[in-house]
Amino acid sequence: MIPQLVRRQDELDSLTSVLKEFYLARPDNYGLMDRPETDYGKYAEVIRRYTPENGKVLDLGCGTYRSPSVIHALGFQTTGCDLFSPDKLREYRNAVSGSDIRLISYDGRSLPFEDSSFDTAASLCMFEHLSDADRILTEMLRILKPGGRLIIMAPNMSGPHRGVLGLIRLAGGASRFWQFRNPWQCLVFILRALGWTITGFFRKPGTFYYMVPLMENGRFVFEQPDDDAIQMNCPVLFRNWFRAAGCGVLEFNSRCGDSHCARLFNRCLPWFATFVQIVAEKKQTFGICPDPEPE
């Protein structure tokens, strides 16, 4: 199959309910504890570049205690926040007992912090799992101090490179890559991805692309990473949002990529970047405006 966009709000609401149930259950094969430590190191280094010494950092969508621990080791006051079940929250708090790392659960909608509480609000591989990206971005800006930085690092699920990766994996003998099961689906996705990015320049700020995850009998099928992804992470839509909110965009996919070729591609064509790495700065006030800043 080819990822299909969600067209109606009632369909998105239904998927949101299933998504919340899935994350609270947190199946054993989800793999958060298996993520390489180097991933958290790269994430923490980006935070270090944009956060004042001994600054207060919110790690939103931390999943476990691992990324807050790496950030804290750099000398920052760190709070990890996620949709934790009571059992998982207890387990992870025990794992960091003796340190001043805070782990807090939230309801998936409103962040349980006062306005202007943090120097940096960051997320690693979270936004593709959100069905209300506009709300969470607004909440992240709310809890930032004026001049604070909002950092998003996540895979670009809307990029044509995913279709190319699908062709490579299927040619190598894989039976499935993400939602792709044959080369034809990969080729069609590449064309659609180009169209999503181009039309994204003209979309109203605050509107994001949502897709139907891999599902069976009304439940998510989780076998491979990102089977549960619901939001496409189209880079230009994030940029539209930040500009409309009056934020300064300090970094837009210009420093991300695991290889020289990927970094060069992302620097030259940041709208199609293989990975999203965006840093925005909160101004004195913010609010979504009807028209984005022109090119």
C-alpha atoms as a PDB file:
ATOM      1  CA  MET A   1       0.000   0.000   0.000  1.00  0.00           C
ATOM      2  CA  ILE A   2       0.956   3.668  -0.257  1.00  0.00           C
ATOM      3  CA  PRO A   3       0.528   5.954   2.767  1.00  0.00           C
ATOM      4  CA  GLN A   4      -2.817   7.713   2.469  1.00  0.00           C
ATOM      5  CA  LEU A   5      -3.479  11.175   3.871  1.00  0.00           C
ATOM      6  CA  VAL A   6      -6.176  11.620   6.506  1.00  0.00           C
ATOM      7  CA  ARG A   7      -8.872  13.826   4.991  1.00  0.00           C
ATOM      8  CA  ARG A   8     -11.439  14.223   7.798  1.00  0.00           C
ATOM      9  CA  GLN A   9     -11.195  15.360  11.408  1.00  0.00           C
ATOM     10  CA  ASP A  10     -13.366  12.500  12.693  1.00  0.00           C
ATOM     11  CA  GLU A  11     -10.975  10.006  11.101  1.00  0.00           C
ATOM     12  CA  LEU A  12      -8.018  11.762  12.743  1.00  0.00           C
ATOM     13  CA  ASP A  13      -9.820  11.745  16.112  1.00  0.00           C
ATOM     14  CA  SER A  14     -10.391   8.005  15.821  1.00  0.00           C
ATOM     15  CA  LEU A  15      -6.738   7.374  14.999  1.00  0.00           C
ATOM     16  CA  THR A  16      -5.714   9.566  17.950  1.00  0.00           C
ATOM     17  CA  SER A  17      -7.643   7.333  20.348  1.00  0.00           C
ATOM     18  CA  VAL A  18      -6.006   4.176  18.994  1.00  0.00           C
ATOM     19  CA  LEU A  19      -2.598   5.872  19.071  1.00  0.00           C
ATOM     20  CA  LYS A  20      -2.928   6.816  22.744  1.00  0.00           C
ATOM     21  CA  GLU A  21      -3.928   3.272  23.669  1.00  0.00           C
ATOM     22  CA  PHE A  22      -0.926   1.912  21.751  1.00  0.00           C
ATOM     23  CA  TYR A  23       1.616   4.181  23.478  1.00  0.00           C
ATOM     24  CA  LEU A  24       0.246   3.599  26.950  1.00  0.00           C
ATOM     25  CA  ALA A  25       0.605  -0.156  26.392  1.00  0.00           C
ATOM     26  CA  ARG A  26       4.132   0.372  24.960  1.00  0.00           C
ATOM     27  CA  PRO A  27       4.696  -3.111  23.403  1.00  0.00           C
ATOM     28  CA  ASP A  28       7.999  -4.852  24.156  1.00  0.00           C
ATOM     29  CA  ASN A  29       9.088  -4.743  20.505  1.00  0.00           C
ATOM     30  CA  TYR A  30       8.775  -0.963  20.337  1.00  0.00           C
ATOM     31  CA  GLY A  31      12.546  -0.759  20.767  1.00  0.00           C
ATOM     32  CA  LEU A  32      13.044   2.483  22.698  1.00  0.00           C
ATOM     33  CA  MET A  33      15.599   0.831  24.973  1.00  0.00           C
ATOM     34  CA  ASP A  34      17.456  -0.510  21.925  1.00  0.00           C
ATOM     35  CA  ARG A  35      18.139   2.859  20.298  1.00  0.00           C
ATOM     36  CA  PRO A  36      21.922   3.437  19.902  1.00  0.00           C
ATOM     37  CA  GLU A  37      23.428   5.781  22.488  1.00  0.00           C
ATOM     38  CA  THR A  38      24.996   7.766  19.636  1.00  0.00           C
ATOM     39  CA  ASP A  39      21.503   8.939  18.574  1.00  0.00           C
ATOM     40  CA  TYR A  40      20.977  10.528  21.974  1.00  0.00           C
ATOM     41  CA  GLY A  41      24.493  11.973  21.872  1.00  0.00           C
ATOM     42  CA  LYS A  42      23.802  13.791  18.583  1.00  0.00           C
ATOM     43  CA  TYR A  43      20.512  15.070  19.954  1.00  0.00           C
ATOM     44  CA  ALA A  44      22.153  16.323  23.149  1.00  0.00           C
ATOM     45  CA  GLU A  45      24.899  18.086  21.165  1.00  0.00           C
ATOM     46  CA  VAL A  46      22.325  20.094  19.212  1.00  0.00           C
ATOM     47  CA  ILE A  47      20.691  21.055  22.512  1.00  0.00           C
ATOM     48  CA  ARG A  48      24.101  22.055  23.896  1.00  0.00           C
ATOM     49  CA  ARG A  49      24.732  24.428  20.958  1.00  0.00           C
ATOM     50  CA  TYR A  50      21.571  26.393  21.635  1.00  0.00           C
ATOM     51  CA  THR A  51      21.127  26.268  25.421  1.00  0.00           C
ATOM     52  CA  PRO A  52      22.809  28.548  28.002  1.00  0.00           C
ATOM     53  CA  GLU A  53      25.071  26.986  30.612  1.00  0.00           C
ATOM     54  CA  ASN A  54      23.073  25.205  33.323  1.00  0.00           C
ATOM     55  CA  GLY A  55      19.908  26.008  31.347  1.00  0.00           C
ATOM     56  CA  LYS A  56      16.556  24.319  31.854  1.00  0.00           C
ATOM     57  CA  VAL A  57      15.719  21.785  29.127  1.00  0.00           C
ATOM     58  CA  LEU A  58      12.433  20.042  28.401  1.00  0.00           C
ATOM     59  CA  ASP A  59      12.896  16.755  26.529  1.00  0.00           C
ATOM     60  CA  LEU A  60       9.387  16.165  25.191  1.00  0.00           C
ATOM     61  CA  GLY A  61       8.481  12.693  23.984  1.00  0.00           C
ATOM     62  CA  CYS A  62      11.547  11.239  25.690  1.00  0.00           C
ATOM     63  CA  GLY A  63      10.036   7.720  25.718  1.00  0.00           C
ATOM     64  CA  THR A  64      12.268   6.506  28.559  1.00  0.00           C
ATOM     65  CA  TYR A  65      14.895   7.977  30.880  1.00  0.00           C
ATOM     66  CA  ARG A  66      17.764   7.526  28.392  1.00  0.00           C
ATOM     67  CA  SER A  67      17.736  10.803  26.449  1.00  0.00           C
ATOM     68  CA  PRO A  68      17.120  12.964  29.563  1.00  0.00           C
ATOM     69  CA  SER A  69      20.112  11.249  31.187  1.00  0.00           C
ATOM     70  CA  VAL A  70      22.406  12.089  28.258  1.00  0.00           C
ATOM     71  CA  ILE A  71      21.212  15.707  28.195  1.00  0.00           C
ATOM     72  CA  HIS A  72      21.622  16.010  31.972  1.00  0.00           C
ATOM     73  CA  ALA A  73      25.199  14.729  31.712  1.00  0.00           C
ATOM     74  CA  LEU A  74      26.074  17.891  29.753  1.00  0.00           C
ATOM     75  CA  GLY A  75      25.186  20.005  32.791  1.00  0.00           C
ATOM     76  CA  PHE A  76      21.592  20.989  32.035  1.00  0.00           C
ATOM     77  CA  GLN A  77      18.591  20.926  34.351  1.00  0.00           C
ATOM     78  CA  THR A  78      16.578  18.302  32.508  1.00  0.00           C
ATOM     79  CA  THR A  79      12.911  17.332  32.533  1.00  0.00           C
ATOM     80  CA  GLY A  80      11.698  14.389  30.473  1.00  0.00           C
ATOM     81  CA  CYS A  81       8.005  14.349  29.571  1.00  0.00           C
ATOM     82  CA  ASP A  82       5.943  11.737  27.743  1.00  0.00           C
ATOM     83  CA  LEU A  83       2.667   9.845  27.696  1.00  0.00           C
ATOM     84  CA  PHE A  84       3.888   7.434  30.394  1.00  0.00           C
ATOM     85  CA  SER A  85       1.745   4.754  31.965  1.00  0.00           C
ATOM     86  CA  PRO A  86       1.912   4.784  35.795  1.00  0.00           C
ATOM     87  CA  ASP A  87       4.017   1.589  35.797  1.00  0.00           C
ATOM     88  CA  LYS A  88       6.515   2.894  33.262  1.00  0.00           C
ATOM     89  CA  LEU A  89       6.803   6.249  35.004  1.00  0.00           C
ATOM     90  CA  ARG A  90       7.593   4.478  38.278  1.00  0.00           C
ATOM     91  CA  GLU A  91      10.146   2.209  36.586  1.00  0.00           C
ATOM     92  CA  TYR A  92      11.955   5.065  34.832  1.00  0.00           C
ATOM     93  CA  ARG A  93      11.976   7.290  37.903  1.00  0.00           C
ATOM     94  CA  ASN A  94      13.612   4.468  39.834  1.00  0.00           C
ATOM     95  CA  ALA A  95      16.256   4.218  37.092  1.00  0.00           C
ATOM     96  CA  VAL A  96      17.292   7.866  37.599  1.00  0.00           C
ATOM     97  CA  SER A  97      16.841   7.991  41.367  1.00  0.00           C
ATOM     98  CA  GLY A  98      19.633   9.900  43.073  1.00  0.00           C
ATOM     99  CA  SER A  99      19.853  12.461  40.267  1.00  0.00           C
ATOM    100  CA  ASP A 100      17.832  15.653  39.798  1.00  0.00           C
ATOM    101  CA  ILE A 101      16.388  14.504  36.464  1.00  0.00           C
ATOM    102  CA  ARG A 102      12.627  15.000  36.456  1.00  0.00           C
ATOM    103  CA  LEU A 103      10.341  12.592  34.605  1.00  0.00           C
ATOM    104  CA  ILE A 104       6.739  13.733  34.204  1.00  0.00           C
ATOM    105  CA  SER A 105       3.726  12.286  32.416  1.00  0.00           C
ATOM    106  CA  TYR A 106       1.266  14.416  30.476  1.00  0.00           C
ATOM    107  CA  ASP A 107      -2.091  13.843  28.802  1.00  0.00           C
ATOM    108  CA  GLY A 108      -0.808  14.164  25.235  1.00  0.00           C
ATOM    109  CA  ARG A 109      -2.379  17.614  24.808  1.00  0.00           C
ATOM    110  CA  SER A 110      -1.391  20.194  27.435  1.00  0.00           C
ATOM    111  CA  LEU A 111       2.061  20.415  28.998  1.00  0.00           C
ATOM    112  CA  PRO A 112       1.938  20.529  32.829  1.00  0.00           C
ATOM    113  CA  PHE A 113       4.320  23.487  33.153  1.00  0.00           C
ATOM    114  CA  GLU A 114       3.940  27.206  33.724  1.00  0.00           C
ATOM    115  CA  ASP A 115       4.539  29.771  30.987  1.00  0.00           C
ATOM    116  CA  SER A 116       8.175  30.729  30.311  1.00  0.00           C
ATOM    117  CA  SER A 117       9.617  27.848  32.364  1.00  0.00           C
ATOM    118  CA  PHE A 118      12.385  26.514  30.090  1.00  0.00           C
ATOM    119  CA  ASP A 119      15.355  27.779  28.100  1.00  0.00           C
ATOM    120  CA  THR A 120      15.011  24.967  25.548  1.00  0.00           C
ATOM    121  CA  ALA A 121      12.170  22.662  24.527  1.00  0.00           C
ATOM    122  CA  ALA A 122      13.347  19.779  22.339  1.00  0.00           C
ATOM    123  CA  SER A 123      12.009  16.571  20.847  1.00  0.00           C
ATOM    124  CA  LEU A 124      13.694  13.615  19.184  1.00  0.00           C
ATOM    125  CA  CYS A 125      11.662  11.457  16.785  1.00  0.00           C
ATOM    126  CA  MET A 126       8.370  12.506  18.390  1.00  0.00           C
ATOM    127  CA  PHE A 127       6.445  14.659  15.925  1.00  0.00           C
ATOM    128  CA  GLU A 128       5.782  11.836  13.468  1.00  0.00           C
ATOM    129  CA  HIS A 129       3.741  10.213  16.254  1.00  0.00           C
ATOM    130  CA  LEU A 130       1.516  13.242  16.951  1.00  0.00           C
ATOM    131  CA  SER A 131      -1.975  13.769  15.612  1.00  0.00           C
ATOM    132  CA  ASP A 132      -2.065  17.406  16.812  1.00  0.00           C
ATOM    133  CA  ALA A 133       1.293  18.919  15.890  1.00  0.00           C
ATOM    134  CA  ASP A 134      -0.104  22.456  15.892  1.00  0.00           C
ATOM    135  CA  ARG A 135      -1.296  22.172  19.500  1.00  0.00           C
ATOM    136  CA  ILE A 136       1.969  20.699  20.779  1.00  0.00           C
ATOM    137  CA  LEU A 137       4.091  23.329  19.021  1.00  0.00           C
ATOM    138  CA  THR A 138       1.948  26.027  20.619  1.00  0.00           C
ATOM    139  CA  GLU A 139       2.382  24.397  24.028  1.00  0.00           C
ATOM    140  CA  MET A 140       6.148  24.122  23.559  1.00  0.00           C
ATOM    141  CA  LEU A 141       6.406  27.813  22.718  1.00  0.00           C
ATOM    142  CA  ARG A 142       4.209  28.712  25.684  1.00  0.00           C
ATOM    143  CA  ILE A 143       6.534  27.079  28.212  1.00  0.00           C
ATOM    144  CA  LEU A 144       9.662  28.634  26.652  1.00  0.00           C
ATOM    145  CA  LYS A 145      11.216  31.793  28.045  1.00  0.00           C
ATOM    146  CA  PRO A 146      11.463  34.742  25.611  1.00  0.00           C
ATOM    147  CA  GLY A 147      14.549  34.033  23.531  1.00  0.00           C
ATOM    148  CA  GLY A 148      14.260  30.309  24.284  1.00  0.00           C
ATOM    149  CA  ARG A 149      14.904  27.715  21.592  1.00  0.00           C
ATOM    150  CA  LEU A 150      12.588  25.025  20.239  1.00  0.00           C
ATOM    151  CA  ILE A 151      14.410  22.083  18.646  1.00  0.00           C
ATOM    152  CA  ILE A 152      12.787  19.447  16.445  1.00  0.00           C
ATOM    153  CA  MET A 153      14.731  16.404  15.269  1.00  0.00           C
ATOM    154  CA  ALA A 154      12.742  13.762  13.412  1.00  0.00           C
ATOM    155  CA  PRO A 155      12.612  11.737  10.190  1.00  0.00           C
ATOM    156  CA  ASN A 156      11.044  13.425   7.179  1.00  0.00           C
ATOM    157  CA  MET A 157       8.217  11.002   6.447  1.00  0.00           C
ATOM    158  CA  SER A 158       7.052  13.084   3.471  1.00  0.00           C
ATOM    159  CA  GLY A 159      10.352  13.167   1.589  1.00  0.00           C
ATOM    160  CA  PRO A 160      10.880  11.478  -1.794  1.00  0.00           C
ATOM    161  CA  HIS A 161      13.971   9.783  -0.340  1.00  0.00           C
ATOM    162  CA  ARG A 162      11.664   7.340   1.479  1.00  0.00           C
ATOM    163  CA  GLY A 163      10.473   6.019  -1.865  1.00  0.00           C
ATOM    164  CA  VAL A 164      14.090   5.657  -2.985  1.00  0.00           C
ATOM    165  CA  LEU A 165      14.930   3.766   0.228  1.00  0.00           C
ATOM    166  CA  GLY A 166      11.946   1.541  -0.407  1.00  0.00           C
ATOM    167  CA  LEU A 167      13.221   0.661  -3.892  1.00  0.00           C
ATOM    168  CA  ILE A 168      16.647  -0.195  -2.463  1.00  0.00           C
ATOM    169  CA  ARG A 169      15.284  -2.332   0.380  1.00  0.00           C
ATOM    170  CA  LEU A 170      12.814  -4.206  -1.813  1.00  0.00           C
ATOM    171  CA  ALA A 171      15.518  -4.837  -4.427  1.00  0.00           C
ATOM    172  CA  GLY A 172      17.640  -6.251  -1.607  1.00  0.00           C
ATOM    173  CA  GLY A 173      15.019  -8.875  -0.829  1.00  0.00           C
ATOM    174  CA  ALA A 174      12.911  -7.231   1.873  1.00  0.00           C
ATOM    175  CA  SER A 175       9.225  -8.164   1.743  1.00  0.00           C
ATOM    176  CA  ARG A 176       8.197  -4.721   2.985  1.00  0.00           C
ATOM    177  CA  PHE A 177       9.700  -1.321   3.715  1.00  0.00           C
ATOM    178  CA  TRP A 178       7.385   0.898   5.761  1.00  0.00           C
ATOM    179  CA  GLN A 179       4.071   0.659   3.862  1.00  0.00           C
ATOM    180  CA  PHE A 180       5.715  -0.214   0.532  1.00  0.00           C
ATOM    181  CA  ARG A 181       5.359  -3.775  -0.734  1.00  0.00           C
ATOM    182  CA  ASN A 182       6.408  -3.363  -4.370  1.00  0.00           C
ATOM    183  CA  PRO A 183       8.492  -0.961  -6.516  1.00  0.00           C
ATOM    184  CA  TRP A 184       5.417   0.586  -8.111  1.00  0.00           C
ATOM    185  CA  GLN A 185       4.235   1.876  -4.735  1.00  0.00           C
ATOM    186  CA  CYS A 186       7.650   3.425  -4.127  1.00  0.00           C
ATOM    187  CA  LEU A 187       7.591   5.249  -7.457  1.00  0.00           C
ATOM    188  CA  VAL A 188       4.089   6.602  -6.895  1.00  0.00           C
ATOM    189  CA  PHE A 189       5.116   7.786  -3.422  1.00  0.00           C
ATOM    190  CA  ILE A 190       8.111   9.699  -4.845  1.00  0.00           C
ATOM    191  CA  LEU A 191       5.780  11.685  -7.121  1.00  0.00           C
ATOM    192  CA  ARG A 192       3.306  12.309  -4.309  1.00  0.00           C
ATOM    193  CA  ALA A 193       6.100  13.402  -1.972  1.00  0.00           C
ATOM    194  CA  LEU A 194       7.282  16.007  -4.462  1.00  0.00           C
ATOM    195  CA  GLY A 195       3.725  17.297  -4.719  1.00  0.00           C
ATOM    196  CA  TRP A 196       3.220  17.445  -0.931  1.00  0.00           C
ATOM    197  CA  THR A 197       6.325  19.570  -0.480  1.00  0.00           C
ATOM    198  CA  ILE A 198       5.500  21.939  -3.329  1.00  0.00           C
ATOM    199  CA  THR A 199       1.898  22.460  -2.208  1.00  0.00           C
ATOM    200  CA  GLY A 200       3.149  22.811   1.367  1.00  0.00           C
ATOM    201  CA  PHE A 201       4.528  26.257   0.519  1.00  0.00           C
ATOM    202  CA  PHE A 202       0.946  27.436   0.000  1.00  0.00           C
ATOM    203  CA  ARG A 203      -0.777  25.698   2.915  1.00  0.00           C
ATOM    204  CA  LYS A 204      -2.211  27.696   5.793  1.00  0.00           C
ATOM    205  CA  PRO A 205       0.159  27.806   8.785  1.00  0.00           C
ATOM    206  CA  GLY A 206      -0.897  25.308  11.432  1.00  0.00           C
ATOM    207  CA  THR A 207      -2.044  22.665   8.970  1.00  0.00           C
ATOM    208  CA  PHE A 208       0.040  19.516   8.754  1.00  0.00           C
ATOM    209  CA  TYR A 209      -0.115  16.341   6.692  1.00  0.00           C
ATOM    210  CA  TYR A 210      -1.467  13.329   8.599  1.00  0.00           C
ATOM    211  CA  MET A 211      -1.508   9.804   7.238  1.00  0.00           C
ATOM    212  CA  VAL A 212      -3.192   6.521   8.043  1.00  0.00           C
ATOM    213  CA  PRO A 213      -0.628   4.248   9.765  1.00  0.00           C
ATOM    214  CA  LEU A 214      -0.326   0.553   9.010  1.00  0.00           C
ATOM    215  CA  MET A 215      -3.456  -0.969  10.569  1.00  0.00           C
ATOM    216  CA  GLU A 216      -5.324  -4.257  10.751  1.00  0.00           C
ATOM    217  CA  ASN A 217      -8.736  -4.839  12.346  1.00  0.00           C
ATOM    218  CA  GLY A 218      -8.747  -1.360  13.812  1.00  0.00           C
ATOM    219  CA  ARG A 219      -5.361  -1.702  15.543  1.00  0.00           C
ATOM    220  CA  PHE A 220      -1.856  -0.591  14.636  1.00  0.00           C
ATOM    221  CA  VAL A 221       0.396  -3.189  13.077  1.00  0.00           C
ATOM    222  CA  PHE A 222       3.798  -2.617  14.625  1.00  0.00           C
ATOM    223  CA  GLU A 223       6.588  -4.730  13.147  1.00  0.00           C
ATOM    224  CA  GLN A 224       9.103  -2.175  11.893  1.00  0.00           C
ATOM    225  CA  PRO A 225      10.191   1.317  12.994  1.00  0.00           C
ATOM    226  CA  ASP A 226       7.679   4.023  12.022  1.00  0.00           C
ATOM    227  CA  ASP A 227       4.837   1.608  11.339  1.00  0.00           C
ATOM    228  CA  ASP A 228       2.951   3.757  13.857  1.00  0.00           C
ATOM    229  CA  ALA A 229       3.857   7.121  12.281  1.00  0.00           C
ATOM    230  CA  ILE A 230       0.846   9.359  11.686  1.00  0.00           C
ATOM    231  CA  GLN A 231       2.299  12.824  10.923  1.00  0.00           C
ATOM    232  CA  MET A 232       4.424  13.353   7.818  1.00  0.00           C
ATOM    233  CA  ASN A 233       6.958  15.876   9.212  1.00  0.00           C
ATOM    234  CA  CYS A 234       7.003  17.915   6.000  1.00  0.00           C
ATOM    235  CA  PRO A 235       9.816  20.463   6.662  1.00  0.00           C
ATOM    236  CA  VAL A 236       8.212  23.394   4.860  1.00  0.00           C
ATOM    237  CA  LEU A 237       5.091  23.110   7.034  1.00  0.00           C
ATOM    238  CA  PHE A 238       7.186  23.486  10.179  1.00  0.00           C
ATOM    239  CA  ARG A 239       8.878  26.531   8.696  1.00  0.00           C
ATOM    240  CA  ASN A 240       5.488  28.016   7.763  1.00  0.00           C
ATOM    241  CA  TRP A 241       4.329  27.513  11.345  1.00  0.00           C
ATOM    242  CA  PHE A 242       7.367  29.099  12.978  1.00  0.00           C
ATOM    243  CA  ARG A 243       7.319  32.117  10.681  1.00  0.00           C
ATOM    244  CA  ALA A 244       3.614  32.669  11.288  1.00  0.00           C
ATOM    245  CA  ALA A 245       4.214  32.423  15.042  1.00  0.00           C
ATOM    246  CA  GLY A 246       6.819  35.183  14.788  1.00  0.00           C
ATOM    247  CA  CYS A 247       9.764  32.905  15.599  1.00  0.00           C
ATOM    248  CA  GLY A 248      13.231  33.199  14.166  1.00  0.00           C
ATOM    249  CA  VAL A 249      14.366  30.057  12.353  1.00  0.00           C
ATOM    250  CA  LEU A 250      18.000  29.579  13.370  1.00  0.00           C
ATOM    251  CA  GLU A 251      18.579  26.223  11.681  1.00  0.00           C
ATOM    252  CA  PHE A 252      16.617  24.556   8.898  1.00  0.00           C
ATOM    253  CA  ASN A 253      17.986  21.096   8.038  1.00  0.00           C
ATOM    254  CA  SER A 254      21.391  22.539   7.140  1.00  0.00           C
ATOM    255  CA  ARG A 255      23.473  20.515   9.624  1.00  0.00           C
ATOM    256  CA  CYS A 256      21.834  17.090   9.632  1.00  0.00           C
ATOM    257  CA  GLY A 257      22.697  13.834   7.890  1.00  0.00           C
ATOM    258  CA  ASP A 258      24.727  10.753   8.783  1.00  0.00           C
ATOM    259  CA  SER A 259      26.843  10.780   5.597  1.00  0.00           C
ATOM    260  CA  HIS A 260      28.615  13.430   3.522  1.00  0.00           C
ATOM    261  CA  CYS A 261      26.133  12.890   0.682  1.00  0.00           C
ATOM    262  CA  ALA A 262      23.127  13.249   2.995  1.00  0.00           C
ATOM    263  CA  ARG A 263      24.512  16.417   4.600  1.00  0.00           C
ATOM    264  CA  LEU A 264      25.215  17.958   1.177  1.00  0.00           C
ATOM    265  CA  PHE A 265      21.732  17.032  -0.066  1.00  0.00           C
ATOM    266  CA  ASN A 266      20.051  18.424   3.050  1.00  0.00           C
ATOM    267  CA  ARG A 267      22.024  21.669   2.884  1.00  0.00           C
ATOM    268  CA  CYS A 268      21.248  22.211  -0.808  1.00  0.00           C
ATOM    269  CA  LEU A 269      17.593  21.062  -0.706  1.00  0.00           C
ATOM    270  CA  PRO A 270      16.420  21.560   2.901  1.00  0.00           C
ATOM    271  CA  TRP A 271      12.739  21.370   1.888  1.00  0.00           C
ATOM    272  CA  PHE A 272      13.277  17.714   0.868  1.00  0.00           C
ATOM    273  CA  ALA A 273      15.773  16.869   3.620  1.00  0.00           C
ATOM    274  CA  THR A 274      16.193  13.229   4.594  1.00  0.00           C
ATOM    275  CA  PHE A 275      15.926  14.253   8.245  1.00  0.00           C
ATOM    276  CA  VAL A 276      14.261  17.211   9.947  1.00  0.00           C
ATOM    277  CA  GLN A 277      16.509  19.286  12.199  1.00  0.00           C
ATOM    278  CA  ILE A 278      14.926  22.654  12.869  1.00  0.00           C
ATOM    279  CA  VAL A 279      15.826  25.169  15.580  1.00  0.00           C
ATOM    280  CA  ALA A 280      13.522  28.130  16.209  1.00  0.00           C
ATOM    281  CA  GLU A 281      13.809  31.031  18.642  1.00  0.00           C
ATOM    282  CA  LYS A 282      10.833  32.360  20.572  1.00  0.00           C
ATOM    283  CA  LYS A 283      10.407  36.115  20.411  1.00  0.00           C
ATOM    284  CA  GLN A 284       8.895  38.263  23.171  1.00  0.00           C
ATOM    285  CA  THR A 285       5.372  37.297  22.140  1.00  0.00           C
ATOM    286  CA  PHE A 286       3.985  34.756  19.737  1.00  0.00           C
ATOM    287  CA  GLY A 287       0.736  33.914  18.023  1.00  0.00           C
ATOM    288  CA  ILE A 288      -0.295  32.266  14.776  1.00  0.00           C
ATOM    289  CA  CYS A 289      -0.769  34.917  12.110  1.00  0.00           C
ATOM    290  CA  PRO A 290      -3.014  34.483   9.072  1.00  0.00           C
ATOM    291  CA  ASP A 291      -0.268  34.989   6.524  1.00  0.00           C
ATOM    292  CA  PRO A 292       3.311  33.639   6.656  1.00  0.00           C
ATOM    293  CA  GLU A 293       6.300  35.786   5.929  1.00  0.00           C
ATOM    294  CA  PRO A 294       6.856  35.879   2.123  1.00  0.00           C
ATOM    295  CA  GLU A 295       9.932  34.309   0.565  1.00  0.00           C
END
